[in-house]
Amino acid sequence: MGQLIKKGKYFCVIFIVLFLLTACWDKQEIDDQQFVISIGIDKNMEDTMSSSVLPNRYLITYTTPNLATIQSKGGGGTEPFRFSQSTVGDTMTGTTKKAITHYLEPLNFDHVKTIILGKALAEDKRLVQEVLDYLDRNPQFSRTIPIFIADGTAKEVLEQKEEGRTFRNRYAIQDRDITAIPDELIIDIGKVLSQLENSGGTTFIPKIFISEKNIGISGGAIFRDYQFQGWLEEREVRALSWLLGKNRRGYFPISYQETYIPYEVSNVTSNLISASYDEFLKVKLEIKTEGDMSEYTLDSSQFPINTEWIKEIEDEMEKQIEKEIKELIYKLQREYKVDIFRLNNKLRIKHPKIWKEIEKNYDKIFENAQIEVEIKLSIRRIGMYL
């Protein structure tokens, strides 16, 4: 019995040692990989053929960090922080494999922070579907990666230098609670894929653009049935954010009594209050928002701040917000003919009987729907003043 116990102890020791010495069979060292931090996907506009006699439809730009510069200089010096390499190919997979032959190392997409689609690619329905399918299937791409549409090519954006530096992914949002960028301008792959799947190919993707020596985000692209429909301007995106109830940390300025007053949003909700369907669909939306008045004017004797004055400002802001929203709704109904603010979801949840009646012809019914909007705005804080 004692010998059996002794042998058992030996086997346990041997098993533990073997377990500790066993390595992952498919492990790759960090130094043996290229970590991609940004990807720009464009439609290849040149008529070139691949080795498989299929057209090179894609032009993909991969951005990788210059680790040597970062480690040796800590971010200083004149050496670039990023390297960009563009490769053409017939498919997303084929283009990536061709890029590997340039780097001579596997490409790792676990740390991608930004994905940008070029405008020409966004206008090609088939390519949009292929790209999004690839991103959906590849487990290396996180669902939280922000995605943008360039108003030119994605390659130009990634190669653009800002104040002497290459594009540094300052739009890669890691902690959304500490950023000043409004929620409506932060759309990730997960949201886009979910919206496309649940709304028949309808979604909104923010626009990224080059202006002189800088890169900015403003407006966005509307898709219906996976097809690019057109752009929304900055104020229209702001109106969309009110309808979606996603304008937290947003900003809305008005001019009142020859003074500019900024309103910073701290909270916003959008709810469907009522709905009916006879000859037309009639709905009423209620948008509630709270926020701060962050500046006014120092001359309080000429412009006194009191309860009555604050109520006047709230009423004026409500009117201007309502005006922006109604202009957007008119454009979505008449020009783009798409329900991008997901009224259909609200109807399905809160008025299932009405939704069942109009579901099959909803697109046509939406175009002629009578949509009433009521704004309830509250200024909670006005800061300190003399």
Protein backbone atom coordinates (compact mmCIF):
# COMPACT_ATOMS: atom_id res chain seq x y z
CA MET A 1 0.00 0.00 0.00
CA GLY A 2 2.85 2.34 0.89
CA GLN A 3 4.57 1.64 -2.44
CA LEU A 4 1.38 2.48 -4.36
CA ILE A 5 1.09 5.83 -2.54
CA LYS A 6 4.76 6.53 -3.26
CA LYS A 7 4.31 5.75 -6.97
CA GLY A 8 1.21 7.92 -7.07
CA LYS A 9 3.19 10.88 -5.73
CA TYR A 10 5.87 10.35 -8.39
CA PHE A 11 3.23 10.30 -11.16
CA CYS A 12 1.69 13.52 -9.80
CA VAL A 13 5.05 15.28 -9.82
CA ILE A 14 5.82 14.09 -13.36
CA PHE A 15 2.37 15.21 -14.57
CA ILE A 16 2.76 18.69 -13.04
CA VAL A 17 6.24 19.13 -14.55
CA LEU A 18 5.04 18.08 -18.00
CA PHE A 19 2.06 20.41 -17.73
CA LEU A 20 4.26 23.39 -16.82
CA LEU A 21 6.71 22.67 -19.63
CA THR A 22 4.04 22.35 -22.30
CA ALA A 23 3.77 25.41 -24.55
CA CYS A 24 0.99 26.50 -26.90
CA TRP A 25 1.62 24.74 -30.19
CA ASP A 26 0.36 27.70 -32.23
CA LYS A 27 1.88 30.48 -30.12
CA GLN A 28 3.52 33.36 -32.02
CA GLU A 29 6.05 35.66 -30.41
CA ILE A 30 5.26 39.38 -30.32
CA ASP A 31 8.36 40.19 -32.35
CA ASP A 32 7.22 37.81 -35.09
CA GLN A 33 3.98 39.68 -35.85
CA GLN A 34 2.86 42.99 -37.33
CA PHE A 35 0.22 44.61 -35.14
CA VAL A 36 -2.21 46.55 -37.31
CA ILE A 37 -3.76 49.58 -35.57
CA SER A 38 -5.74 51.11 -38.46
CA ILE A 39 -7.25 49.76 -41.65
CA GLY A 40 -8.39 51.81 -44.63
CA ILE A 41 -10.47 49.92 -47.19
CA ASP A 42 -10.94 51.49 -50.63
CA LYS A 43 -12.35 50.37 -53.95
CA ASN A 44 -9.43 49.93 -56.34
CA MET A 45 -10.11 52.32 -59.17
CA GLU A 46 -7.26 51.08 -61.38
CA ASP A 47 -7.90 48.28 -63.84
CA THR A 48 -5.35 45.74 -62.61
CA MET A 49 -5.62 41.97 -62.58
CA SER A 50 -4.49 39.58 -59.88
CA SER A 51 -2.56 36.37 -60.48
CA SER A 52 -5.84 34.43 -60.40
CA VAL A 53 -7.14 36.51 -63.33
CA LEU A 54 -9.72 38.12 -61.08
CA PRO A 55 -9.85 41.92 -60.84
CA ASN A 56 -8.08 43.59 -57.95
CA ARG A 57 -11.18 45.22 -56.52
CA TYR A 58 -9.73 46.29 -53.18
CA LEU A 59 -7.04 48.73 -52.13
CA ILE A 60 -6.38 48.19 -48.42
CA THR A 61 -4.07 50.37 -46.34
CA TYR A 62 -2.63 48.84 -43.18
CA THR A 63 -1.14 51.09 -40.51
CA THR A 64 1.34 49.62 -38.03
CA PRO A 65 3.27 51.30 -35.18
CA ASN A 66 6.94 52.17 -35.46
CA LEU A 67 7.93 50.31 -32.32
CA ALA A 68 11.60 51.18 -32.64
CA THR A 69 10.87 54.91 -32.57
CA ILE A 70 8.42 54.63 -29.68
CA GLN A 71 10.76 52.54 -27.56
CA SER A 72 13.95 54.46 -28.28
CA LYS A 73 12.67 58.03 -28.28
CA GLY A 74 9.55 57.81 -26.18
CA GLY A 75 7.51 59.64 -28.77
CA GLY A 76 10.07 62.32 -29.66
CA GLY A 77 12.25 62.96 -32.69
CA THR A 78 11.31 63.29 -36.33
CA GLU A 79 10.85 59.61 -37.14
CA PRO A 80 7.25 58.61 -37.93
CA PHE A 81 5.16 56.94 -35.25
CA ARG A 82 3.30 54.91 -37.85
CA PHE A 83 4.00 53.04 -41.07
CA SER A 84 1.37 52.65 -43.79
CA GLN A 85 1.39 49.99 -46.48
CA SER A 86 -1.23 49.75 -49.25
CA THR A 87 -1.97 46.53 -51.11
CA VAL A 88 -4.43 45.65 -53.89
CA GLY A 89 -6.26 42.35 -54.10
CA ASP A 90 -9.35 40.54 -55.35
CA THR A 91 -10.92 39.77 -51.95
CA MET A 92 -10.41 40.95 -48.38
CA THR A 93 -8.71 37.66 -47.51
CA GLY A 94 -6.59 37.65 -50.66
CA THR A 95 -5.47 41.24 -50.13
CA THR A 96 -4.42 40.49 -46.55
CA LYS A 97 -2.42 37.47 -47.68
CA LYS A 98 -0.64 39.63 -50.27
CA ALA A 99 0.13 42.19 -47.57
CA ILE A 100 1.76 39.48 -45.47
CA THR A 101 4.24 38.86 -48.30
CA HIS A 102 5.31 42.51 -47.95
CA TYR A 103 5.70 42.43 -44.19
CA LEU A 104 7.08 38.85 -44.24
CA GLU A 105 5.26 38.39 -40.92
CA PRO A 106 1.69 37.50 -39.94
CA LEU A 107 -0.71 40.45 -39.53
CA ASN A 108 -2.37 40.66 -36.13
CA PHE A 109 -5.72 42.50 -35.99
CA ASP A 110 -6.36 42.11 -32.25
CA HIS A 111 -5.38 45.73 -31.59
CA VAL A 112 -7.09 47.51 -34.49
CA LYS A 113 -8.45 50.86 -33.23
CA THR A 114 -9.99 52.37 -36.36
CA ILE A 115 -11.55 51.12 -39.60
CA ILE A 116 -12.19 53.57 -42.44
CA LEU A 117 -14.12 52.86 -45.65
CA GLY A 118 -13.50 54.98 -48.73
CA LYS A 119 -16.43 56.79 -50.37
CA ALA A 120 -16.17 54.89 -53.68
CA LEU A 121 -16.29 51.57 -51.82
CA ALA A 122 -19.25 52.77 -49.72
CA GLU A 123 -21.14 53.47 -52.96
CA ASP A 124 -20.64 49.88 -54.16
CA LYS A 125 -23.32 47.73 -52.49
CA ARG A 126 -21.62 44.41 -53.22
CA LEU A 127 -18.27 45.52 -51.82
CA VAL A 128 -19.92 46.94 -48.68
CA GLN A 129 -21.62 43.62 -48.04
CA GLU A 130 -18.39 41.70 -48.60
CA VAL A 131 -16.33 43.93 -46.30
CA LEU A 132 -18.86 43.82 -43.47
CA ASP A 133 -19.21 40.04 -43.84
CA TYR A 134 -15.42 39.69 -43.58
CA LEU A 135 -15.29 41.86 -40.45
CA ASP A 136 -18.19 39.90 -38.96
CA ARG A 137 -16.57 36.51 -39.57
CA ASN A 138 -13.02 37.36 -38.49
CA PRO A 139 -12.72 36.83 -34.69
CA GLN A 140 -9.67 39.12 -34.48
CA PHE A 141 -11.79 42.22 -35.09
CA SER A 142 -13.41 43.51 -31.92
CA ARG A 143 -17.05 44.62 -32.16
CA THR A 144 -16.10 47.88 -30.40
CA ILE A 145 -13.83 49.21 -33.16
CA PRO A 146 -15.09 52.62 -34.40
CA ILE A 147 -15.89 52.68 -38.11
CA PHE A 148 -15.98 55.73 -40.41
CA ILE A 149 -16.70 56.65 -44.03
CA ALA A 150 -14.17 58.94 -45.71
CA ASP A 151 -15.44 61.67 -47.99
CA GLY A 152 -12.52 60.77 -50.26
CA THR A 153 -10.29 57.71 -49.92
CA ALA A 154 -9.42 55.92 -46.70
CA LYS A 155 -5.80 55.80 -47.86
CA GLU A 156 -5.58 59.59 -47.92
CA VAL A 157 -6.90 59.82 -44.36
CA LEU A 158 -4.45 57.29 -42.95
CA GLU A 159 -1.51 58.90 -44.72
CA GLN A 160 -2.50 62.44 -43.75
CA LYS A 161 -0.08 64.21 -41.42
CA GLU A 162 -1.41 66.33 -38.58
CA GLU A 163 0.97 69.06 -37.45
CA GLY A 164 3.96 67.04 -38.60
CA ARG A 165 2.68 63.70 -37.32
CA THR A 166 1.02 60.80 -39.06
CA PHE A 167 -2.57 59.92 -38.21
CA ARG A 168 -2.48 58.76 -34.58
CA ASN A 169 -5.93 57.25 -34.17
CA ARG A 170 -7.18 60.02 -31.95
CA TYR A 171 -10.66 58.79 -32.89
CA ALA A 172 -10.07 55.39 -31.33
CA ILE A 173 -12.34 55.76 -28.32
CA GLN A 174 -11.21 53.60 -25.43
CA ASP A 175 -13.28 55.09 -22.59
CA ARG A 176 -16.37 56.78 -23.93
CA ASP A 177 -17.30 58.25 -20.55
CA ILE A 178 -14.31 60.61 -20.55
CA THR A 179 -14.37 61.78 -24.15
CA ALA A 180 -15.87 65.06 -25.29
CA ILE A 181 -16.97 63.55 -28.60
CA PRO A 182 -20.80 63.25 -28.58
CA ASP A 183 -22.31 59.78 -28.60
CA GLU A 184 -23.86 60.27 -32.03
CA LEU A 185 -20.41 60.40 -33.61
CA ILE A 186 -19.23 57.13 -32.08
CA ILE A 187 -20.44 54.13 -34.06
CA ASP A 188 -18.66 50.79 -33.79
CA ILE A 189 -18.74 47.71 -35.98
CA GLY A 190 -21.00 45.87 -33.57
CA LYS A 191 -23.68 48.56 -33.78
CA VAL A 192 -23.47 48.74 -37.57
CA LEU A 193 -23.74 44.97 -38.00
CA SER A 194 -26.67 44.79 -35.58
CA GLN A 195 -28.55 47.63 -37.29
CA LEU A 196 -27.98 46.18 -40.76
CA GLU A 197 -29.22 42.76 -39.69
CA ASN A 198 -32.29 44.03 -37.83
CA SER A 199 -33.40 46.76 -40.23
CA GLY A 200 -32.93 45.34 -43.71
CA GLY A 201 -29.57 46.92 -44.47
CA THR A 202 -30.25 50.35 -42.93
CA THR A 203 -27.62 52.12 -40.85
CA PHE A 204 -25.70 55.34 -40.25
CA ILE A 205 -21.88 55.63 -40.26
CA PRO A 206 -20.01 58.83 -39.28
CA LYS A 207 -17.94 60.72 -41.85
CA ILE A 208 -14.22 61.37 -41.41
CA PHE A 209 -12.59 64.02 -43.56
CA ILE A 210 -9.36 65.92 -44.23
CA SER A 211 -9.43 69.69 -43.77
CA GLU A 212 -6.20 71.52 -44.59
CA LYS A 213 -3.69 69.89 -42.20
CA ASN A 214 -6.14 68.24 -39.84
CA ILE A 215 -8.56 65.36 -39.71
CA GLY A 216 -12.08 65.76 -38.37
CA ILE A 217 -15.41 64.01 -37.86
CA SER A 218 -18.62 65.65 -38.99
CA GLY A 219 -21.85 64.37 -40.47
CA GLY A 220 -22.26 60.86 -41.74
CA ALA A 221 -23.48 58.45 -44.39
CA ILE A 222 -26.93 56.87 -44.65
CA PHE A 223 -27.38 53.33 -45.97
CA ARG A 224 -30.60 51.64 -47.07
CA ASP A 225 -30.61 48.05 -48.28
CA TYR A 226 -26.80 48.16 -47.91
CA GLN A 227 -26.73 50.93 -50.52
CA PHE A 228 -25.18 54.32 -49.85
CA GLN A 229 -27.93 56.97 -50.07
CA GLY A 230 -26.12 60.19 -49.24
CA TRP A 231 -24.68 62.37 -46.51
CA LEU A 232 -26.15 64.02 -43.44
CA GLU A 233 -24.60 67.32 -42.40
CA GLU A 234 -23.44 68.07 -38.86
CA ARG A 235 -26.68 69.74 -37.74
CA GLU A 236 -28.70 66.88 -39.25
CA VAL A 237 -26.66 64.32 -37.33
CA ARG A 238 -27.33 66.34 -34.20
CA ALA A 239 -31.07 66.20 -34.96
CA LEU A 240 -30.78 62.45 -35.54
CA SER A 241 -29.12 62.08 -32.15
CA TRP A 242 -32.11 63.77 -30.47
CA LEU A 243 -34.49 61.33 -32.18
CA LEU A 244 -32.36 58.37 -31.10
CA GLY A 245 -32.00 59.68 -27.56
CA LYS A 246 -28.22 59.49 -27.92
CA ASN A 247 -27.07 63.10 -27.64
CA ARG A 248 -25.51 62.78 -24.19
CA ARG A 249 -22.45 65.05 -23.97
CA GLY A 250 -23.76 66.82 -27.07
CA TYR A 251 -23.76 70.55 -27.70
CA PHE A 252 -26.48 72.87 -28.99
CA PRO A 253 -25.93 76.64 -29.39
CA ILE A 254 -28.61 79.29 -29.90
CA SER A 255 -28.62 83.03 -30.49
CA TYR A 256 -30.90 84.90 -28.11
CA GLN A 257 -31.10 88.67 -27.55
CA GLU A 258 -27.92 89.15 -29.60
CA THR A 259 -26.04 86.75 -27.33
CA TYR A 260 -24.80 83.24 -28.14
CA ILE A 261 -25.76 80.66 -25.52
CA PRO A 262 -24.34 77.10 -25.56
CA TYR A 263 -26.34 74.22 -24.12
CA GLU A 264 -24.36 71.13 -23.10
CA VAL A 265 -26.46 67.98 -22.89
CA SER A 266 -26.09 65.76 -19.84
CA ASN A 267 -29.08 63.50 -20.43
CA VAL A 268 -31.63 62.84 -23.18
CA THR A 269 -34.44 60.34 -23.80
CA SER A 270 -36.67 59.77 -26.82
CA ASN A 271 -40.00 57.98 -26.43
CA LEU A 272 -43.00 57.15 -28.57
CA ILE A 273 -46.00 58.67 -26.74
CA SER A 274 -48.86 57.76 -29.08
CA ALA A 275 -49.54 56.12 -32.43
CA SER A 276 -52.58 55.52 -34.64
CA TYR A 277 -53.18 54.29 -38.16
CA ASP A 278 -56.16 55.02 -40.38
CA GLU A 279 -55.47 56.62 -43.71
CA PHE A 280 -52.04 57.72 -42.51
CA LEU A 281 -49.71 56.69 -39.73
CA LYS A 282 -49.79 59.33 -36.98
CA VAL A 283 -47.24 59.27 -34.19
CA LYS A 284 -46.08 61.57 -31.41
CA LEU A 285 -42.52 61.51 -30.09
CA GLU A 286 -41.45 63.08 -26.81
CA ILE A 287 -37.82 64.09 -26.32
CA LYS A 288 -36.71 65.04 -22.82
CA THR A 289 -33.31 66.56 -22.18
CA GLU A 290 -31.37 68.04 -19.29
CA GLY A 291 -28.18 70.03 -19.53
CA ASP A 292 -26.06 73.01 -18.59
CA MET A 293 -25.78 76.57 -19.83
CA SER A 294 -22.00 76.83 -19.84
CA GLU A 295 -21.58 80.53 -20.77
CA TYR A 296 -23.50 83.75 -21.31
CA THR A 297 -22.26 87.31 -20.78
CA LEU A 298 -20.58 89.06 -17.88
CA ASP A 299 -22.88 92.10 -17.90
CA SER A 300 -25.59 90.79 -15.57
CA SER A 301 -27.09 94.28 -15.15
CA GLN A 302 -28.09 94.34 -18.81
CA PHE A 303 -28.94 90.63 -19.04
CA PRO A 304 -30.19 89.48 -15.61
CA ILE A 305 -30.24 85.75 -15.00
CA ASN A 306 -33.33 84.69 -13.12
CA THR A 307 -36.03 82.01 -13.21
CA GLU A 308 -38.13 83.82 -15.81
CA TRP A 309 -35.14 84.37 -18.06
CA ILE A 310 -34.08 80.70 -17.84
CA LYS A 311 -37.63 79.66 -18.80
CA GLU A 312 -37.43 81.92 -21.87
CA ILE A 313 -34.14 80.31 -22.89
CA GLU A 314 -35.60 76.82 -22.42
CA ASP A 315 -38.61 77.70 -24.60
CA GLU A 316 -36.36 79.15 -27.32
CA MET A 317 -34.08 76.11 -27.30
CA GLU A 318 -37.08 73.78 -27.54
CA LYS A 319 -38.34 75.65 -30.62
CA GLN A 320 -34.98 75.51 -32.38
CA ILE A 321 -34.38 71.84 -31.57
CA GLU A 322 -37.88 70.99 -32.81
CA LYS A 323 -37.21 72.91 -36.03
CA GLU A 324 -33.98 70.98 -36.70
CA ILE A 325 -35.68 67.65 -36.02
CA LYS A 326 -38.65 68.38 -38.30
CA GLU A 327 -36.31 69.40 -41.12
CA LEU A 328 -34.42 66.13 -40.76
CA ILE A 329 -37.60 64.02 -40.67
CA TYR A 330 -38.83 65.73 -43.84
CA LYS A 331 -35.52 64.95 -45.58
CA LEU A 332 -35.56 61.31 -44.45
CA GLN A 333 -39.17 60.87 -45.62
CA ARG A 334 -39.01 62.72 -48.93
CA GLU A 335 -35.41 62.46 -50.12
CA TYR A 336 -33.82 59.35 -48.62
CA LYS A 337 -37.08 57.47 -47.85
CA VAL A 338 -35.52 55.67 -44.92
CA ASP A 339 -36.38 55.34 -41.23
CA ILE A 340 -32.88 55.82 -39.83
CA PHE A 341 -34.12 56.83 -36.36
CA ARG A 342 -35.77 53.42 -35.90
CA LEU A 343 -39.38 54.47 -35.45
CA ASN A 344 -40.30 50.97 -36.65
CA ASN A 345 -38.69 49.42 -33.55
CA LYS A 346 -40.68 51.70 -31.25
CA LEU A 347 -43.91 50.80 -33.03
CA ARG A 348 -43.15 47.08 -32.89
CA ILE A 349 -42.54 47.22 -29.14
CA LYS A 350 -45.18 49.69 -27.95
CA HIS A 351 -47.93 49.23 -30.55
CA PRO A 352 -47.69 45.64 -31.84
CA LYS A 353 -51.22 45.66 -33.30
CA ILE A 354 -50.51 48.73 -35.41
CA TRP A 355 -47.13 47.33 -36.42
CA LYS A 356 -48.66 44.05 -37.56
CA GLU A 357 -51.06 46.00 -39.76
CA ILE A 358 -48.42 48.18 -41.44
CA GLU A 359 -45.34 45.95 -41.32
CA LYS A 360 -45.45 44.72 -44.93
CA ASN A 361 -45.85 48.21 -46.41
CA TYR A 362 -43.99 50.14 -43.72
CA ASP A 363 -41.45 51.79 -46.05
CA LYS A 364 -44.20 53.38 -48.12
CA ILE A 365 -46.29 54.24 -45.06
CA PHE A 366 -43.29 55.89 -43.38
CA GLU A 367 -42.86 58.27 -46.30
CA ASN A 368 -46.30 59.78 -45.65
CA ALA A 369 -46.44 59.41 -41.88
CA GLN A 370 -47.45 62.41 -39.78
CA ILE A 371 -44.78 62.68 -37.10
CA GLU A 372 -45.25 65.13 -34.24
CA VAL A 373 -42.33 65.98 -31.99
CA GLU A 374 -42.53 67.52 -28.52
CA ILE A 375 -39.38 68.79 -26.80
CA LYS A 376 -39.10 69.12 -23.02
CA LEU A 377 -35.82 70.83 -22.12
CA SER A 378 -34.50 71.68 -18.66
CA ILE A 379 -31.47 73.81 -17.82
CA ARG A 380 -30.18 72.32 -14.57
CA ARG A 381 -26.96 74.27 -14.07
CA ILE A 382 -25.85 77.74 -15.12
CA GLY A 383 -22.45 77.81 -13.38
CA MET A 384 -21.22 80.56 -11.09
CA TYR A 385 -21.85 84.20 -11.91
CA LEU A 386 -21.44 87.57 -10.21
